[in-house]
Amino acid sequence: MGEWVRDHVTAEGSVLTDNAQTYAVMLFSGRPDLFLDRVDGSDDAWERAAGDPAGTVDYLLLSTDTAYDLLSRLFPDAARGTDPRLREVFATDRYRLVEVTAP
């Protein structure tokens, strides 16, 4: 997943994620600047982006384990790859990257 993000995503802060569950992807991408995570600002800013990601980010990076990933809890269908509003662009056994489109 980290390689895919590095090779296909170019805009800084365009991938919203819960870094507590997806830190390895951020690390292995070699481009932590591509991610908007809870450490970047505050939990309040992250929660605002998570509550309305359209217009803020281009992608959501979700853990397929929805028990601990805060973003996956908010978007459980997307974490399973079944949300018709959030198109899956890449997936592994542990992670799913979905594209955020306008409402």
PDB file of N, CA and C in Angstrom:
ATOM      1  N   MET A   1       0.833  -1.192   0.000  1.00  0.00           N
ATOM      2  CA  MET A   1       0.000   0.000   0.000  1.00  0.00           C
ATOM      3  C   MET A   1       0.875   1.252   0.000  1.00  0.00           C
ATOM      4  N   GLY A   2       1.945   1.237   0.770  1.00  0.00           N
ATOM      5  CA  GLY A   2       2.834   2.397   0.808  1.00  0.00           C
ATOM      6  C   GLY A   2       3.422   2.712  -0.553  1.00  0.00           C
ATOM      7  N   GLU A   3       3.812   1.683  -1.288  1.00  0.00           N
ATOM      8  CA  GLU A   3       4.351   1.890  -2.636  1.00  0.00           C
ATOM      9  C   GLU A   3       3.292   2.479  -3.556  1.00  0.00           C
ATOM     10  N   TRP A   4       2.073   1.958  -3.476  1.00  0.00           N
ATOM     11  CA  TRP A   4       1.008   2.452  -4.351  1.00  0.00           C
ATOM     12  C   TRP A   4       0.766   3.934  -4.084  1.00  0.00           C
ATOM     13  N   VAL A   5       0.669   4.302  -2.820  1.00  0.00           N
ATOM     14  CA  VAL A   5       0.451   5.713  -2.478  1.00  0.00           C
ATOM     15  C   VAL A   5       1.601   6.564  -3.006  1.00  0.00           C
ATOM     16  N   ARG A   6       2.819   6.145  -2.769  1.00  0.00           N
ATOM     17  CA  ARG A   6       3.984   6.905  -3.229  1.00  0.00           C
ATOM     18  C   ARG A   6       3.971   7.083  -4.746  1.00  0.00           C
ATOM     19  N   ASP A   7       3.568   6.043  -5.474  1.00  0.00           N
ATOM     20  CA  ASP A   7       3.610   6.077  -6.937  1.00  0.00           C
ATOM     21  C   ASP A   7       2.413   6.780  -7.585  1.00  0.00           C
ATOM     22  N   HIS A   8       1.305   6.964  -6.847  1.00  0.00           N
ATOM     23  CA  HIS A   8       0.088   7.479  -7.479  1.00  0.00           C
ATOM     24  C   HIS A   8      -0.495   8.746  -6.855  1.00  0.00           C
ATOM     25  N   VAL A   9      -0.096   9.079  -5.658  1.00  0.00           N
ATOM     26  CA  VAL A   9      -0.641  10.260  -4.984  1.00  0.00           C
ATOM     27  C   VAL A   9       0.437  11.338  -4.978  1.00  0.00           C
ATOM     28  N   THR A  10       0.057  12.563  -5.325  1.00  0.00           N
ATOM     29  CA  THR A  10       1.055  13.627  -5.411  1.00  0.00           C
ATOM     30  C   THR A  10       0.796  14.802  -4.475  1.00  0.00           C
ATOM     31  N   ALA A  11      -0.451  15.048  -4.113  1.00  0.00           N
ATOM     32  CA  ALA A  11      -0.777  16.240  -3.317  1.00  0.00           C
ATOM     33  C   ALA A  11      -0.553  16.011  -1.826  1.00  0.00           C
ATOM     34  N   GLU A  12       0.134  16.931  -1.200  1.00  0.00           N
ATOM     35  CA  GLU A  12       0.368  16.849   0.245  1.00  0.00           C
ATOM     36  C   GLU A  12      -0.959  16.884   0.999  1.00  0.00           C
ATOM     37  N   GLY A  13      -1.061  16.071   2.040  1.00  0.00           N
ATOM     38  CA  GLY A  13      -2.253  16.061   2.887  1.00  0.00           C
ATOM     39  C   GLY A  13      -3.506  15.568   2.217  1.00  0.00           C
ATOM     40  N   SER A  14      -3.381  14.801   1.156  1.00  0.00           N
ATOM     41  CA  SER A  14      -4.572  14.389   0.408  1.00  0.00           C
ATOM     42  C   SER A  14      -5.111  13.022   0.798  1.00  0.00           C
ATOM     43  N   VAL A  15      -4.445  12.328   1.734  1.00  0.00           N
ATOM     44  CA  VAL A  15      -4.913  11.012   2.182  1.00  0.00           C
ATOM     45  C   VAL A  15      -5.229  11.110   3.674  1.00  0.00           C
ATOM     46  N   LEU A  16      -6.506  11.070   4.010  1.00  0.00           N
ATOM     47  CA  LEU A  16      -6.917  11.117   5.413  1.00  0.00           C
ATOM     48  C   LEU A  16      -6.791   9.722   6.006  1.00  0.00           C
ATOM     49  N   THR A  17      -6.192   9.635   7.189  1.00  0.00           N
ATOM     50  CA  THR A  17      -5.992   8.333   7.811  1.00  0.00           C
ATOM     51  C   THR A  17      -5.879   8.457   9.323  1.00  0.00           C
ATOM     52  N   ASP A  18      -6.122   7.349   9.997  1.00  0.00           N
ATOM     53  CA  ASP A  18      -5.887   7.252  11.436  1.00  0.00           C
ATOM     54  C   ASP A  18      -4.491   6.683  11.605  1.00  0.00           C
ATOM     55  N   ASN A  19      -3.546   7.547  11.854  1.00  0.00           N
ATOM     56  CA  ASN A  19      -2.138   7.136  11.899  1.00  0.00           C
ATOM     57  C   ASN A  19      -1.855   6.069  12.951  1.00  0.00           C
ATOM     58  N   ALA A  20      -2.686   5.952  13.971  1.00  0.00           N
ATOM     59  CA  ALA A  20      -2.465   4.929  14.989  1.00  0.00           C
ATOM     60  C   ALA A  20      -2.590   3.525  14.393  1.00  0.00           C
ATOM     61  N   GLN A  21      -3.359   3.394  13.303  1.00  0.00           N
ATOM     62  CA  GLN A  21      -3.565   2.086  12.692  1.00  0.00           C
ATOM     63  C   GLN A  21      -2.872   1.929  11.350  1.00  0.00           C
ATOM     64  N   THR A  22      -2.441   3.022  10.747  1.00  0.00           N
ATOM     65  CA  THR A  22      -1.873   2.948   9.391  1.00  0.00           C
ATOM     66  C   THR A  22      -0.467   3.538   9.315  1.00  0.00           C
ATOM     67  N   TYR A  23       0.177   3.652  10.456  1.00  0.00           N
ATOM     68  CA  TYR A  23       1.508   4.250  10.497  1.00  0.00           C
ATOM     69  C   TYR A  23       2.488   3.539   9.572  1.00  0.00           C
ATOM     70  N   ALA A  24       2.396   2.224   9.488  1.00  0.00           N
ATOM     71  CA  ALA A  24       3.323   1.464   8.636  1.00  0.00           C
ATOM     72  C   ALA A  24       3.194   1.889   7.177  1.00  0.00           C
ATOM     73  N   VAL A  25       1.993   2.129   6.718  1.00  0.00           N
ATOM     74  CA  VAL A  25       1.797   2.578   5.330  1.00  0.00           C
ATOM     75  C   VAL A  25       2.458   3.932   5.135  1.00  0.00           C
ATOM     76  N   MET A  26       2.243   4.824   6.082  1.00  0.00           N
ATOM     77  CA  MET A  26       2.846   6.147   5.996  1.00  0.00           C
ATOM     78  C   MET A  26       4.369   6.036   5.954  1.00  0.00           C
ATOM     79  N   LEU A  27       4.911   5.198   6.807  1.00  0.00           N
ATOM     80  CA  LEU A  27       6.351   5.003   6.876  1.00  0.00           C
ATOM     81  C   LEU A  27       6.894   4.409   5.578  1.00  0.00           C
ATOM     82  N   PHE A  28       6.281   3.338   5.105  1.00  0.00           N
ATOM     83  CA  PHE A  28       6.787   2.655   3.918  1.00  0.00           C
ATOM     84  C   PHE A  28       6.538   3.421   2.622  1.00  0.00           C
ATOM     85  N   SER A  29       5.631   4.398   2.660  1.00  0.00           N
ATOM     86  CA  SER A  29       5.451   5.226   1.463  1.00  0.00           C
ATOM     87  C   SER A  29       6.664   6.127   1.269  1.00  0.00           C
ATOM     88  N   GLY A  30       7.347   6.449   2.364  1.00  0.00           N
ATOM     89  CA  GLY A  30       8.453   7.394   2.296  1.00  0.00           C
ATOM     90  C   GLY A  30       7.983   8.824   2.110  1.00  0.00           C
ATOM     91  N   ARG A  31       6.675   9.038   2.140  1.00  0.00           N
ATOM     92  CA  ARG A  31       6.087  10.362   1.915  1.00  0.00           C
ATOM     93  C   ARG A  31       5.018  10.669   2.966  1.00  0.00           C
ATOM     94  N   PRO A  32       5.391  10.827   4.213  1.00  0.00           N
ATOM     95  CA  PRO A  32       4.376  11.107   5.235  1.00  0.00           C
ATOM     96  C   PRO A  32       3.629  12.418   4.992  1.00  0.00           C
ATOM     97  N   ASP A  33       4.192  13.289   4.167  1.00  0.00           N
ATOM     98  CA  ASP A  33       3.535  14.553   3.853  1.00  0.00           C
ATOM     99  C   ASP A  33       2.269  14.363   3.030  1.00  0.00           C
ATOM    100  N   LEU A  34       2.090  13.211   2.413  1.00  0.00           N
ATOM    101  CA  LEU A  34       0.892  12.945   1.613  1.00  0.00           C
ATOM    102  C   LEU A  34      -0.337  12.689   2.476  1.00  0.00           C
ATOM    103  N   PHE A  35      -0.120  12.432   3.748  1.00  0.00           N
ATOM    104  CA  PHE A  35      -1.191  12.011   4.647  1.00  0.00           C
ATOM    105  C   PHE A  35      -1.630  13.138   5.562  1.00  0.00           C
ATOM    106  N   LEU A  36      -2.927  13.196   5.797  1.00  0.00           N
ATOM    107  CA  LEU A  36      -3.504  14.065   6.810  1.00  0.00           C
ATOM    108  C   LEU A  36      -3.914  13.138   7.949  1.00  0.00           C
ATOM    109  N   ASP A  37      -3.193  13.227   9.052  1.00  0.00           N
ATOM    110  CA  ASP A  37      -3.439  12.309  10.154  1.00  0.00           C
ATOM    111  C   ASP A  37      -3.665  13.085  11.447  1.00  0.00           C
ATOM    112  N   ARG A  38      -3.930  12.365  12.502  1.00  0.00           N
ATOM    113  CA  ARG A  38      -4.279  12.992  13.776  1.00  0.00           C
ATOM    114  C   ARG A  38      -3.111  13.744  14.394  1.00  0.00           C
ATOM    115  N   VAL A  39      -1.886  13.466  14.011  1.00  0.00           N
ATOM    116  CA  VAL A  39      -0.716  14.137  14.565  1.00  0.00           C
ATOM    117  C   VAL A  39      -0.466  15.478  13.870  1.00  0.00           C
ATOM    118  N   ASP A  40      -0.955  15.649  12.663  1.00  0.00           N
ATOM    119  CA  ASP A  40      -0.669  16.850  11.875  1.00  0.00           C
ATOM    120  C   ASP A  40      -1.178  18.132  12.518  1.00  0.00           C
ATOM    121  N   GLY A  41      -2.289  18.070  13.166  1.00  0.00           N
ATOM    122  CA  GLY A  41      -2.835  19.269  13.783  1.00  0.00           C
ATOM    123  C   GLY A  41      -3.358  18.927  15.151  1.00  0.00           C
ATOM    124  N   SER A  42      -4.639  18.698  15.199  1.00  0.00           N
ATOM    125  CA  SER A  42      -5.278  18.306  16.445  1.00  0.00           C
ATOM    126  C   SER A  42      -6.346  17.276  16.138  1.00  0.00           C
ATOM    127  N   ASP A  43      -6.830  16.615  17.168  1.00  0.00           N
ATOM    128  CA  ASP A  43      -7.929  15.676  16.951  1.00  0.00           C
ATOM    129  C   ASP A  43      -9.152  16.407  16.420  1.00  0.00           C
ATOM    130  N   ASP A  44      -9.359  17.656  16.846  1.00  0.00           N
ATOM    131  CA  ASP A  44     -10.510  18.425  16.356  1.00  0.00           C
ATOM    132  C   ASP A  44     -10.433  18.639  14.852  1.00  0.00           C
ATOM    133  N   ALA A  45      -9.274  19.033  14.364  1.00  0.00           N
ATOM    134  CA  ALA A  45      -9.109  19.246  12.914  1.00  0.00           C
ATOM    135  C   ALA A  45      -9.288  17.937  12.157  1.00  0.00           C
ATOM    136  N   TRP A  46      -8.739  16.856  12.694  1.00  0.00           N
ATOM    137  CA  TRP A  46      -8.871  15.550  12.049  1.00  0.00           C
ATOM    138  C   TRP A  46     -10.340  15.127  12.033  1.00  0.00           C
ATOM    139  N   GLU A  47     -11.037  15.322  13.138  1.00  0.00           N
ATOM    140  CA  GLU A  47     -12.449  14.945  13.212  1.00  0.00           C
ATOM    141  C   GLU A  47     -13.304  15.756  12.240  1.00  0.00           C
ATOM    142  N   ARG A  48     -12.976  17.031  12.061  1.00  0.00           N
ATOM    143  CA  ARG A  48     -13.712  17.850  11.078  1.00  0.00           C
ATOM    144  C   ARG A  48     -13.499  17.296   9.679  1.00  0.00           C
ATOM    145  N   ALA A  49     -12.258  16.958   9.347  1.00  0.00           N
ATOM    146  CA  ALA A  49     -11.973  16.397   8.021  1.00  0.00           C
ATOM    147  C   ALA A  49     -12.660  15.045   7.847  1.00  0.00           C
ATOM    148  N   ALA A  50     -12.646  14.233   8.898  1.00  0.00           N
ATOM    149  CA  ALA A  50     -13.285  12.920   8.821  1.00  0.00           C
ATOM    150  C   ALA A  50     -14.802  13.045   8.698  1.00  0.00           C
ATOM    151  N   GLY A  51     -15.366  14.062   9.323  1.00  0.00           N
ATOM    152  CA  GLY A  51     -16.805  14.271   9.250  1.00  0.00           C
ATOM    153  C   GLY A  51     -17.282  14.738   7.894  1.00  0.00           C
ATOM    154  N   ASP A  52     -16.416  15.389   7.148  1.00  0.00           N
ATOM    155  CA  ASP A  52     -16.764  15.894   5.813  1.00  0.00           C
ATOM    156  C   ASP A  52     -15.513  15.893   4.944  1.00  0.00           C
ATOM    157  N   PRO A  53     -15.080  14.704   4.484  1.00  0.00           N
ATOM    158  CA  PRO A  53     -13.803  14.627   3.757  1.00  0.00           C
ATOM    159  C   PRO A  53     -13.830  15.252   2.359  1.00  0.00           C
ATOM    160  N   ALA A  54     -14.993  15.330   1.730  1.00  0.00           N
ATOM    161  CA  ALA A  54     -15.069  15.919   0.392  1.00  0.00           C
ATOM    162  C   ALA A  54     -14.641  17.380   0.465  1.00  0.00           C
ATOM    163  N   GLY A  55     -13.744  17.772  -0.396  1.00  0.00           N
ATOM    164  CA  GLY A  55     -13.237  19.125  -0.411  1.00  0.00           C
ATOM    165  C   GLY A  55     -12.026  19.313   0.490  1.00  0.00           C
ATOM    166  N   THR A  56     -11.743  18.339   1.334  1.00  0.00           N
ATOM    167  CA  THR A  56     -10.590  18.411   2.228  1.00  0.00           C
ATOM    168  C   THR A  56      -9.486  17.477   1.773  1.00  0.00           C
ATOM    169  N   VAL A  57      -9.855  16.245   1.408  1.00  0.00           N
ATOM    170  CA  VAL A  57      -8.894  15.227   0.988  1.00  0.00           C
ATOM    171  C   VAL A  57      -9.396  14.528  -0.270  1.00  0.00           C
ATOM    172  N   ASP A  58      -8.498  13.809  -0.918  1.00  0.00           N
ATOM    173  CA  ASP A  58      -8.858  13.049  -2.106  1.00  0.00           C
ATOM    174  C   ASP A  58      -9.093  11.574  -1.811  1.00  0.00           C
ATOM    175  N   TYR A  59      -8.490  11.087  -0.717  1.00  0.00           N
ATOM    176  CA  TYR A  59      -8.559   9.661  -0.395  1.00  0.00           C
ATOM    177  C   TYR A  59      -8.730   9.446   1.095  1.00  0.00           C
ATOM    178  N   LEU A  60      -9.298   8.275   1.429  1.00  0.00           N
ATOM    179  CA  LEU A  60      -9.302   7.777   2.793  1.00  0.00           C
ATOM    180  C   LEU A  60      -8.490   6.497   2.797  1.00  0.00           C
ATOM    181  N   LEU A  61      -7.557   6.394   3.726  1.00  0.00           N
ATOM    182  CA  LEU A  61      -6.813   5.158   3.916  1.00  0.00           C
ATOM    183  C   LEU A  61      -7.382   4.502   5.159  1.00  0.00           C
ATOM    184  N   LEU A  62      -7.961   3.319   4.981  1.00  0.00           N
ATOM    185  CA  LEU A  62      -8.684   2.633   6.040  1.00  0.00           C
ATOM    186  C   LEU A  62      -8.039   1.300   6.355  1.00  0.00           C
ATOM    187  N   SER A  63      -8.048   0.949   7.629  1.00  0.00           N
ATOM    188  CA  SER A  63      -7.658  -0.390   8.026  1.00  0.00           C
ATOM    189  C   SER A  63      -8.870  -1.288   7.840  1.00  0.00           C
ATOM    190  N   THR A  64      -8.656  -2.505   7.406  1.00  0.00           N
ATOM    191  CA  THR A  64      -9.783  -3.434   7.276  1.00  0.00           C
ATOM    192  C   THR A  64     -10.229  -3.941   8.637  1.00  0.00           C
ATOM    193  N   ASP A  65      -9.455  -3.686   9.675  1.00  0.00           N
ATOM    194  CA  ASP A  65      -9.829  -4.021  11.050  1.00  0.00           C
ATOM    195  C   ASP A  65     -10.549  -2.810  11.635  1.00  0.00           C
ATOM    196  N   THR A  66     -11.857  -2.828  11.598  1.00  0.00           N
ATOM    197  CA  THR A  66     -12.625  -1.660  12.033  1.00  0.00           C
ATOM    198  C   THR A  66     -12.720  -1.531  13.549  1.00  0.00           C
ATOM    199  N   ALA A  67     -12.200  -2.489  14.294  1.00  0.00           N
ATOM    200  CA  ALA A  67     -12.300  -2.424  15.751  1.00  0.00           C
ATOM    201  C   ALA A  67     -11.481  -1.278  16.339  1.00  0.00           C
ATOM    202  N   TYR A  68     -10.357  -0.945  15.728  1.00  0.00           N
ATOM    203  CA  TYR A  68      -9.457   0.057  16.305  1.00  0.00           C
ATOM    204  C   TYR A  68      -9.275   1.309  15.458  1.00  0.00           C
ATOM    205  N   ASP A  69      -9.490   1.226  14.176  1.00  0.00           N
ATOM    206  CA  ASP A  69      -9.275   2.355  13.271  1.00  0.00           C
ATOM    207  C   ASP A  69     -10.467   3.308  13.364  1.00  0.00           C
ATOM    208  N   LEU A  70     -10.233   4.523  13.853  1.00  0.00           N
ATOM    209  CA  LEU A  70     -11.321   5.485  14.015  1.00  0.00           C
ATOM    210  C   LEU A  70     -11.977   5.842  12.692  1.00  0.00           C
ATOM    211  N   LEU A  71     -11.199   5.956  11.643  1.00  0.00           N
ATOM    212  CA  LEU A  71     -11.755   6.293  10.336  1.00  0.00           C
ATOM    213  C   LEU A  71     -12.582   5.131   9.781  1.00  0.00           C
ATOM    214  N   SER A  72     -12.116   3.921   9.981  1.00  0.00           N
ATOM    215  CA  SER A  72     -12.868   2.751   9.535  1.00  0.00           C
ATOM    216  C   SER A  72     -14.176   2.596  10.292  1.00  0.00           C
ATOM    217  N   ARG A  73     -14.190   3.036  11.539  1.00  0.00           N
ATOM    218  CA  ARG A  73     -15.443   3.018  12.304  1.00  0.00           C
ATOM    219  C   ARG A  73     -16.453   3.997  11.725  1.00  0.00           C
ATOM    220  N   LEU A  74     -15.953   5.139  11.240  1.00  0.00           N
ATOM    221  CA  LEU A  74     -16.845   6.131  10.632  1.00  0.00           C
ATOM    222  C   LEU A  74     -17.343   5.692   9.261  1.00  0.00           C
ATOM    223  N   PHE A  75     -16.523   4.920   8.549  1.00  0.00           N
ATOM    224  CA  PHE A  75     -16.849   4.483   7.193  1.00  0.00           C
ATOM    225  C   PHE A  75     -16.697   2.959   7.080  1.00  0.00           C
ATOM    226  N   PRO A  76     -17.507   2.194   7.823  1.00  0.00           N
ATOM    227  CA  PRO A  76     -17.326   0.734   7.825  1.00  0.00           C
ATOM    228  C   PRO A  76     -17.566   0.088   6.468  1.00  0.00           C
ATOM    229  N   ASP A  77     -18.528   0.602   5.703  1.00  0.00           N
ATOM    230  CA  ASP A  77     -18.772   0.031   4.369  1.00  0.00           C
ATOM    231  C   ASP A  77     -17.574   0.274   3.452  1.00  0.00           C
ATOM    232  N   ALA A  78     -16.966   1.437   3.564  1.00  0.00           N
ATOM    233  CA  ALA A  78     -15.776   1.727   2.753  1.00  0.00           C
ATOM    234  C   ALA A  78     -14.625   0.816   3.158  1.00  0.00           C
ATOM    235  N   ALA A  79     -14.491   0.546   4.454  1.00  0.00           N
ATOM    236  CA  ALA A  79     -13.426  -0.343   4.929  1.00  0.00           C
ATOM    237  C   ALA A  79     -13.603  -1.756   4.390  1.00  0.00           C
ATOM    238  N   ARG A  80     -14.864  -2.125   4.112  1.00  0.00           N
ATOM    239  CA  ARG A  80     -15.149  -3.437   3.519  1.00  0.00           C
ATOM    240  C   ARG A  80     -15.130  -3.394   1.992  1.00  0.00           C
ATOM    241  N   GLY A  81     -15.044  -2.186   1.430  1.00  0.00           N
ATOM    242  CA  GLY A  81     -15.055  -2.044  -0.023  1.00  0.00           C
ATOM    243  C   GLY A  81     -16.439  -2.097  -0.623  1.00  0.00           C
ATOM    244  N   THR A  82     -17.465  -1.785   0.185  1.00  0.00           N
ATOM    245  CA  THR A  82     -18.844  -1.897  -0.296  1.00  0.00           C
ATOM    246  C   THR A  82     -19.609  -0.580  -0.273  1.00  0.00           C
ATOM    247  N   ASP A  83     -18.931   0.528  -0.075  1.00  0.00           N
ATOM    248  CA  ASP A  83     -19.602   1.828  -0.050  1.00  0.00           C
ATOM    249  C   ASP A  83     -19.654   2.380  -1.471  1.00  0.00           C
ATOM    250  N   PRO A  84     -20.845   2.508  -2.046  1.00  0.00           N
ATOM    251  CA  PRO A  84     -20.931   2.969  -3.445  1.00  0.00           C
ATOM    252  C   PRO A  84     -20.482   4.417  -3.633  1.00  0.00           C
ATOM    253  N   ARG A  85     -20.418   5.199  -2.547  1.00  0.00           N
ATOM    254  CA  ARG A  85     -20.009   6.602  -2.648  1.00  0.00           C
ATOM    255  C   ARG A  85     -18.502   6.777  -2.615  1.00  0.00           C
ATOM    256  N   LEU A  86     -17.793   5.753  -2.128  1.00  0.00           N
ATOM    257  CA  LEU A  86     -16.340   5.840  -1.967  1.00  0.00           C
ATOM    258  C   LEU A  86     -15.700   4.706  -2.753  1.00  0.00           C
ATOM    259  N   ARG A  87     -15.252   5.026  -3.941  1.00  0.00           N
ATOM    260  CA  ARG A  87     -14.716   4.019  -4.861  1.00  0.00           C
ATOM    261  C   ARG A  87     -13.350   3.533  -4.406  1.00  0.00           C
ATOM    262  N   GLU A  88     -13.222   2.215  -4.314  1.00  0.00           N
ATOM    263  CA  GLU A  88     -11.937   1.618  -3.958  1.00  0.00           C
ATOM    264  C   GLU A  88     -10.948   1.808  -5.104  1.00  0.00           C
ATOM    265  N   VAL A  89      -9.749   2.283  -4.774  1.00  0.00           N
ATOM    266  CA  VAL A  89      -8.723   2.438  -5.799  1.00  0.00           C
ATOM    267  C   VAL A  89      -7.576   1.454  -5.618  1.00  0.00           C
ATOM    268  N   PHE A  90      -7.385   0.975  -4.377  1.00  0.00           N
ATOM    269  CA  PHE A  90      -6.350  -0.034  -4.136  1.00  0.00           C
ATOM    270  C   PHE A  90      -6.635  -0.693  -2.796  1.00  0.00           C
ATOM    271  N   ALA A  91      -6.353  -1.987  -2.703  1.00  0.00           N
ATOM    272  CA  ALA A  91      -6.608  -2.701  -1.451  1.00  0.00           C
ATOM    273  C   ALA A  91      -5.570  -3.795  -1.240  1.00  0.00           C
ATOM    274  N   THR A  92      -5.311  -4.067   0.023  1.00  0.00           N
ATOM    275  CA  THR A  92      -4.497  -5.204   0.449  1.00  0.00           C
ATOM    276  C   THR A  92      -5.337  -5.943   1.496  1.00  0.00           C
ATOM    277  N   ASP A  93      -4.784  -6.991   2.052  1.00  0.00           N
ATOM    278  CA  ASP A  93      -5.511  -7.708   3.099  1.00  0.00           C
ATOM    279  C   ASP A  93      -5.764  -6.828   4.321  1.00  0.00           C
ATOM    280  N   ARG A  94      -4.870  -5.888   4.590  1.00  0.00           N
ATOM    281  CA  ARG A  94      -4.960  -5.079   5.810  1.00  0.00           C
ATOM    282  C   ARG A  94      -5.468  -3.658   5.610  1.00  0.00           C
ATOM    283  N   TYR A  95      -5.393  -3.156   4.379  1.00  0.00           N
ATOM    284  CA  TYR A  95      -5.731  -1.753   4.142  1.00  0.00           C
ATOM    285  C   TYR A  95      -6.565  -1.589   2.882  1.00  0.00           C
ATOM    286  N   ARG A  96      -7.355  -0.512   2.878  1.00  0.00           N
ATOM    287  CA  ARG A  96      -8.139  -0.175   1.704  1.00  0.00           C
ATOM    288  C   ARG A  96      -8.016   1.331   1.479  1.00  0.00           C
ATOM    289  N   LEU A  97      -7.762   1.726   0.248  1.00  0.00           N
ATOM    290  CA  LEU A  97      -7.689   3.138  -0.125  1.00  0.00           C
ATOM    291  C   LEU A  97      -8.886   3.432  -1.008  1.00  0.00           C
ATOM    292  N   VAL A  98      -9.686   4.415  -0.586  1.00  0.00           N
ATOM    293  CA  VAL A  98     -10.872   4.777  -1.366  1.00  0.00           C
ATOM    294  C   VAL A  98     -10.788   6.232  -1.772  1.00  0.00           C
ATOM    295  N   GLU A  99     -11.390   6.533  -2.906  1.00  0.00           N
ATOM    296  CA  GLU A  99     -11.382   7.884  -3.440  1.00  0.00           C
ATOM    297  C   GLU A  99     -12.580   8.653  -2.922  1.00  0.00           C
ATOM    298  N   VAL A 100     -12.337   9.863  -2.469  1.00  0.00           N
ATOM    299  CA  VAL A 100     -13.398  10.730  -1.982  1.00  0.00           C
ATOM    300  C   VAL A 100     -13.874  11.582  -3.161  1.00  0.00           C
ATOM    301  N   THR A 101     -15.155  11.549  -3.415  1.00  0.00           N
ATOM    302  CA  THR A 101     -15.732  12.377  -4.469  1.00  0.00           C
ATOM    303  C   THR A 101     -16.717  13.334  -3.856  1.00  0.00           C
ATOM    304  N   ALA A 102     -17.081  14.333  -4.592  1.00  0.00           N
ATOM    305  CA  ALA A 102     -18.043  15.332  -4.091  1.00  0.00           C
ATOM    306  C   ALA A 102     -19.359  14.633  -3.753  1.00  0.00           C
ATOM    307  N   PRO A 103     -20.067  15.158  -2.752  1.00  0.00           N
ATOM    308  CA  PRO A 103     -21.358  14.527  -2.362  1.00  0.00           C
ATOM    309  C   PRO A 103     -22.378  14.579  -3.467  1.00  0.00           C
TER     310      PRO A 103
END
